[in-house]
Amino acid sequence: VGALDPDDAARLCLALAQGLAHAHERGVLHRDIKPSNVVLVPERGPVLLDFGLAKQTELEQSQLTRTGAFAGTAGYAAPEQIMDASRVDERADVYGLAATLFTLLTDRSPASESADVMTLVARAAANQLPRPRQLRPEVPAALDGIVARAMAGDPEERTPSAAAFAAELQAFL
């Protein structure tokens, strides 16, 4: 399919962010947001699929992930999701959604240049992954900034929620 028009990509991710905010309001984290878990439904728009790794935020972490295991997909999983699953909250889903937007804008994964998972995690945590405008200069600077904030390696610096991500995309559009 190739890279999407930036406005079209932002509109798709806005709809996904609104749906994700709805799930978060009900205490559900997806934990595996990536392009292959999104389907376009005619007359409805994008739908986030595969809640197989989802968790209720009220459950104790020990019930969800074995020590040394991580849930998600390298390249779309936030660094803390891979390194320390006990730190995962809705900001990890925001990271995955922003990485999906990155792919829609550039037609490649943010992890395309990383040789292995640990290299990817180190680069993501240090904010050393490429930005959309580096790969596709026609991506508007404002949209590039939205993606960068939502993919910040430190969750404390990341866009704090799917609702906030949706608001940023809405303001862009």
C-alpha atoms as a PDB file:
ATOM      1  CA  VAL A   1       0.000   0.000   0.000  1.00  0.00           C
ATOM      2  CA  GLY A   2       2.836   2.393   0.790  1.00  0.00           C
ATOM      3  CA  ALA A   3       2.923   5.435   3.024  1.00  0.00           C
ATOM      4  CA  LEU A   4      -0.374   7.231   3.534  1.00  0.00           C
ATOM      5  CA  ASP A   5      -1.096  10.902   3.086  1.00  0.00           C
ATOM      6  CA  PRO A   6      -0.219  12.508   6.455  1.00  0.00           C
ATOM      7  CA  ASP A   7      -3.752  13.832   7.007  1.00  0.00           C
ATOM      8  CA  ASP A   8      -5.268  10.426   6.216  1.00  0.00           C
ATOM      9  CA  ALA A   9      -2.830   8.692   8.571  1.00  0.00           C
ATOM     10  CA  ALA A  10      -3.628  11.206  11.322  1.00  0.00           C
ATOM     11  CA  ARG A  11      -7.390  10.707  10.830  1.00  0.00           C
ATOM     12  CA  LEU A  12      -7.034   6.917  11.085  1.00  0.00           C
ATOM     13  CA  CYS A  13      -4.973   7.175  14.258  1.00  0.00           C
ATOM     14  CA  LEU A  14      -7.344   9.774  15.709  1.00  0.00           C
ATOM     15  CA  ALA A  15     -10.196   7.260  15.435  1.00  0.00           C
ATOM     16  CA  LEU A  16      -8.006   4.547  16.960  1.00  0.00           C
ATOM     17  CA  ALA A  17      -6.893   6.850  19.789  1.00  0.00           C
ATOM     18  CA  GLN A  18     -10.516   7.689  20.594  1.00  0.00           C
ATOM     19  CA  GLY A  19     -11.383   3.976  20.761  1.00  0.00           C
ATOM     20  CA  LEU A  20      -8.300   3.266  22.838  1.00  0.00           C
ATOM     21  CA  ALA A  21      -9.208   6.072  25.250  1.00  0.00           C
ATOM     22  CA  HIS A  22     -12.600   4.409  25.648  1.00  0.00           C
ATOM     23  CA  ALA A  23     -10.899   1.099  26.544  1.00  0.00           C
ATOM     24  CA  HIS A  24      -8.532   2.852  28.963  1.00  0.00           C
ATOM     25  CA  GLU A  25     -11.456   4.569  30.699  1.00  0.00           C
ATOM     26  CA  ARG A  26     -12.752   1.058  31.412  1.00  0.00           C
ATOM     27  CA  GLY A  27      -9.414  -0.110  32.785  1.00  0.00           C
ATOM     28  CA  VAL A  28      -8.302  -2.129  29.733  1.00  0.00           C
ATOM     29  CA  LEU A  29      -4.779  -1.943  28.305  1.00  0.00           C
ATOM     30  CA  HIS A  30      -4.282  -3.454  24.838  1.00  0.00           C
ATOM     31  CA  ARG A  31      -0.483  -4.079  25.043  1.00  0.00           C
ATOM     32  CA  ASP A  32      -0.040  -5.078  21.368  1.00  0.00           C
ATOM     33  CA  ILE A  33      -0.976  -2.138  19.164  1.00  0.00           C
ATOM     34  CA  LYS A  34       0.550  -2.473  15.716  1.00  0.00           C
ATOM     35  CA  PRO A  35      -0.601  -2.064  12.112  1.00  0.00           C
ATOM     36  CA  SER A  36      -1.522  -5.742  11.699  1.00  0.00           C
ATOM     37  CA  ASN A  37      -3.978  -5.384  14.609  1.00  0.00           C
ATOM     38  CA  VAL A  38      -5.939  -2.691  12.786  1.00  0.00           C
ATOM     39  CA  VAL A  39      -8.576  -3.365  10.150  1.00  0.00           C
ATOM     40  CA  LEU A  40     -10.490  -0.836   8.062  1.00  0.00           C
ATOM     41  CA  VAL A  41     -14.212  -1.540   8.148  1.00  0.00           C
ATOM     42  CA  PRO A  42     -16.235   0.089   5.355  1.00  0.00           C
ATOM     43  CA  GLU A  43     -18.532   2.851   6.623  1.00  0.00           C
ATOM     44  CA  ARG A  44     -17.073   2.508  10.115  1.00  0.00           C
ATOM     45  CA  GLY A  45     -13.367   3.233   9.801  1.00  0.00           C
ATOM     46  CA  PRO A  46     -10.402   1.692  11.598  1.00  0.00           C
ATOM     47  CA  VAL A  47     -10.989  -0.910  14.294  1.00  0.00           C
ATOM     48  CA  LEU A  48      -8.382  -2.120  16.763  1.00  0.00           C
ATOM     49  CA  LEU A  49      -8.336  -5.927  16.918  1.00  0.00           C
ATOM     50  CA  ASP A  50      -6.648  -8.674  18.909  1.00  0.00           C
ATOM     51  CA  PHE A  51      -7.100  -7.919  22.567  1.00  0.00           C
ATOM     52  CA  GLY A  52      -5.421 -11.265  23.308  1.00  0.00           C
ATOM     53  CA  LEU A  53      -2.685  -9.561  25.350  1.00  0.00           C
ATOM     54  CA  ALA A  54      -5.024  -7.058  26.959  1.00  0.00           C
ATOM     55  CA  LYS A  55      -5.138  -6.736  30.712  1.00  0.00           C
ATOM     56  CA  GLN A  56      -7.335  -5.132  33.297  1.00  0.00           C
ATOM     57  CA  THR A  57      -5.374  -2.410  35.057  1.00  0.00           C
ATOM     58  CA  GLU A  58      -6.786  -3.479  38.436  1.00  0.00           C
ATOM     59  CA  LEU A  59      -5.195  -6.950  38.266  1.00  0.00           C
ATOM     60  CA  GLU A  60      -1.838  -7.476  39.886  1.00  0.00           C
ATOM     61  CA  GLN A  61       1.047  -7.625  37.428  1.00  0.00           C
ATOM     62  CA  SER A  62       2.125 -11.023  38.777  1.00  0.00           C
ATOM     63  CA  GLN A  63      -1.049 -12.518  37.341  1.00  0.00           C
ATOM     64  CA  LEU A  64      -0.271 -11.313  33.853  1.00  0.00           C
ATOM     65  CA  THR A  65       3.303 -11.752  32.701  1.00  0.00           C
ATOM     66  CA  ARG A  66       5.989 -14.216  33.734  1.00  0.00           C
ATOM     67  CA  THR A  67       9.264 -12.782  34.964  1.00  0.00           C
ATOM     68  CA  GLY A  68      11.594 -12.327  32.009  1.00  0.00           C
ATOM     69  CA  ALA A  69       8.740 -12.403  29.468  1.00  0.00           C
ATOM     70  CA  PHE A  70       7.183  -9.470  27.709  1.00  0.00           C
ATOM     71  CA  ALA A  71       3.877  -9.046  25.979  1.00  0.00           C
ATOM     72  CA  GLY A  72       3.740  -7.175  22.714  1.00  0.00           C
ATOM     73  CA  THR A  73       5.639  -6.860  19.459  1.00  0.00           C
ATOM     74  CA  ALA A  74       9.183  -5.517  19.249  1.00  0.00           C
ATOM     75  CA  GLY A  75       9.151  -2.288  17.277  1.00  0.00           C
ATOM     76  CA  TYR A  76       5.721  -1.324  18.570  1.00  0.00           C
ATOM     77  CA  ALA A  77       6.131  -2.149  22.271  1.00  0.00           C
ATOM     78  CA  ALA A  78       7.305   0.664  24.533  1.00  0.00           C
ATOM     79  CA  PRO A  79      10.757   0.177  26.091  1.00  0.00           C
ATOM     80  CA  GLU A  80       9.284  -0.316  29.578  1.00  0.00           C
ATOM     81  CA  GLN A  81       6.948  -2.991  28.230  1.00  0.00           C
ATOM     82  CA  ILE A  82       9.953  -5.059  27.187  1.00  0.00           C
ATOM     83  CA  MET A  83      12.253  -4.242  30.103  1.00  0.00           C
ATOM     84  CA  ASP A  84       9.880  -4.130  33.091  1.00  0.00           C
ATOM     85  CA  ALA A  85       6.261  -5.149  32.532  1.00  0.00           C
ATOM     86  CA  SER A  86       5.337  -3.894  36.006  1.00  0.00           C
ATOM     87  CA  ARG A  87       5.745  -0.323  34.684  1.00  0.00           C
ATOM     88  CA  VAL A  88       3.243  -0.734  31.848  1.00  0.00           C
ATOM     89  CA  ASP A  89       0.289   1.623  31.847  1.00  0.00           C
ATOM     90  CA  GLU A  90      -1.739   3.371  29.159  1.00  0.00           C
ATOM     91  CA  ARG A  91       1.352   5.308  28.018  1.00  0.00           C
ATOM     92  CA  ALA A  92       2.695   2.022  26.605  1.00  0.00           C
ATOM     93  CA  ASP A  93      -0.419   1.773  24.418  1.00  0.00           C
ATOM     94  CA  VAL A  94       0.129   5.386  23.328  1.00  0.00           C
ATOM     95  CA  TYR A  95       3.655   4.401  22.279  1.00  0.00           C
ATOM     96  CA  GLY A  96       2.305   1.495  20.214  1.00  0.00           C
ATOM     97  CA  LEU A  97      -0.279   3.708  18.544  1.00  0.00           C
ATOM     98  CA  ALA A  98       2.348   6.342  17.731  1.00  0.00           C
ATOM     99  CA  ALA A  99       4.630   3.639  16.305  1.00  0.00           C
ATOM    100  CA  THR A 100       1.676   2.542  14.171  1.00  0.00           C
ATOM    101  CA  LEU A 101       1.240   6.140  12.971  1.00  0.00           C
ATOM    102  CA  PHE A 102       4.978   6.195  12.215  1.00  0.00           C
ATOM    103  CA  THR A 103       4.484   3.129   9.990  1.00  0.00           C
ATOM    104  CA  LEU A 104       1.451   4.650   8.257  1.00  0.00           C
ATOM    105  CA  LEU A 105       3.495   7.786   7.523  1.00  0.00           C
ATOM    106  CA  THR A 106       6.701   6.085   6.369  1.00  0.00           C
ATOM    107  CA  ASP A 107       5.695   2.580   5.246  1.00  0.00           C
ATOM    108  CA  ARG A 108       8.213   1.049   7.630  1.00  0.00           C
ATOM    109  CA  SER A 109       8.499   0.046  11.252  1.00  0.00           C
ATOM    110  CA  PRO A 110      10.366   2.325  13.644  1.00  0.00           C
ATOM    111  CA  ALA A 111      12.515  -0.755  14.341  1.00  0.00           C
ATOM    112  CA  SER A 112      13.596  -1.327  10.732  1.00  0.00           C
ATOM    113  CA  GLU A 113      17.244  -0.515  11.432  1.00  0.00           C
ATOM    114  CA  SER A 114      17.602  -2.410  14.719  1.00  0.00           C
ATOM    115  CA  ALA A 115      19.396  -5.738  14.608  1.00  0.00           C
ATOM    116  CA  ASP A 116      17.887  -7.224  17.781  1.00  0.00           C
ATOM    117  CA  VAL A 117      15.352  -6.502  20.506  1.00  0.00           C
ATOM    118  CA  MET A 118      17.873  -5.214  23.065  1.00  0.00           C
ATOM    119  CA  THR A 119      19.397  -2.794  20.536  1.00  0.00           C
ATOM    120  CA  LEU A 120      15.907  -1.605  19.670  1.00  0.00           C
ATOM    121  CA  VAL A 121      14.994  -1.094  23.333  1.00  0.00           C
ATOM    122  CA  ALA A 122      18.205   0.830  24.007  1.00  0.00           C
ATOM    123  CA  ARG A 123      17.663   3.066  20.963  1.00  0.00           C
ATOM    124  CA  ALA A 124      13.981   3.635  21.827  1.00  0.00           C
ATOM    125  CA  ALA A 125      14.745   4.418  25.481  1.00  0.00           C
ATOM    126  CA  ALA A 126      17.416   6.930  24.396  1.00  0.00           C
ATOM    127  CA  ASN A 127      15.081   8.554  21.819  1.00  0.00           C
ATOM    128  CA  GLN A 128      17.384   7.433  19.015  1.00  0.00           C
ATOM    129  CA  LEU A 129      14.797   5.947  16.677  1.00  0.00           C
ATOM    130  CA  PRO A 130      14.258   7.839  13.432  1.00  0.00           C
ATOM    131  CA  ARG A 131      11.493  10.419  13.202  1.00  0.00           C
ATOM    132  CA  PRO A 132       8.954  10.344  10.375  1.00  0.00           C
ATOM    133  CA  ARG A 133      10.321  13.524   8.730  1.00  0.00           C
ATOM    134  CA  GLN A 134      13.784  11.983   8.523  1.00  0.00           C
ATOM    135  CA  LEU A 135      12.373   9.285   6.280  1.00  0.00           C
ATOM    136  CA  ARG A 136       9.658  11.308   4.572  1.00  0.00           C
ATOM    137  CA  PRO A 137      10.307  15.077   4.570  1.00  0.00           C
ATOM    138  CA  GLU A 138       6.751  15.912   3.451  1.00  0.00           C
ATOM    139  CA  VAL A 139       5.378  14.835   6.845  1.00  0.00           C
ATOM    140  CA  PRO A 140       4.334  18.103   8.525  1.00  0.00           C
ATOM    141  CA  ALA A 141       6.573  19.184  11.392  1.00  0.00           C
ATOM    142  CA  ALA A 142       3.583  19.349  13.758  1.00  0.00           C
ATOM    143  CA  LEU A 143       2.643  15.727  13.045  1.00  0.00           C
ATOM    144  CA  ASP A 144       6.283  14.649  13.369  1.00  0.00           C
ATOM    145  CA  GLY A 145       6.340  16.283  16.811  1.00  0.00           C
ATOM    146  CA  ILE A 146       3.144  14.487  17.861  1.00  0.00           C
ATOM    147  CA  VAL A 147       4.712  11.138  16.941  1.00  0.00           C
ATOM    148  CA  ALA A 148       7.982  12.001  18.715  1.00  0.00           C
ATOM    149  CA  ARG A 149       6.232  12.999  21.966  1.00  0.00           C
ATOM    150  CA  ALA A 150       4.079   9.873  21.932  1.00  0.00           C
ATOM    151  CA  MET A 151       7.137   7.671  21.311  1.00  0.00           C
ATOM    152  CA  ALA A 152       9.339   9.264  23.968  1.00  0.00           C
ATOM    153  CA  GLY A 153      11.584   6.611  25.477  1.00  0.00           C
ATOM    154  CA  ASP A 154      10.839   7.741  29.026  1.00  0.00           C
ATOM    155  CA  PRO A 155       7.148   7.214  29.819  1.00  0.00           C
ATOM    156  CA  GLU A 156       7.255  10.319  32.057  1.00  0.00           C
ATOM    157  CA  GLU A 157       8.019  12.402  28.945  1.00  0.00           C
ATOM    158  CA  ARG A 158       5.498  10.634  26.726  1.00  0.00           C
ATOM    159  CA  THR A 159       2.041  11.842  25.777  1.00  0.00           C
ATOM    160  CA  PRO A 160       0.188  10.793  28.947  1.00  0.00           C
ATOM    161  CA  SER A 161      -2.928   9.157  27.537  1.00  0.00           C
ATOM    162  CA  ALA A 162      -4.787   8.035  24.441  1.00  0.00           C
ATOM    163  CA  ALA A 163      -7.229  10.898  25.040  1.00  0.00           C
ATOM    164  CA  ALA A 164      -4.342  13.410  25.029  1.00  0.00           C
ATOM    165  CA  PHE A 165      -2.922  11.793  21.863  1.00  0.00           C
ATOM    166  CA  ALA A 166      -6.358  12.076  20.222  1.00  0.00           C
ATOM    167  CA  ALA A 167      -6.576  15.738  21.239  1.00  0.00           C
ATOM    168  CA  GLU A 168      -3.160  16.438  19.672  1.00  0.00           C
ATOM    169  CA  LEU A 169      -4.178  14.706  16.443  1.00  0.00           C
ATOM    170  CA  GLN A 170      -7.501  16.586  16.394  1.00  0.00           C
ATOM    171  CA  ALA A 171      -5.671  19.901  16.827  1.00  0.00           C
ATOM    172  CA  PHE A 172      -3.313  18.949  13.979  1.00  0.00           C
ATOM    173  CA  LEU A 173      -6.205  18.184  11.660  1.00  0.00           C
END
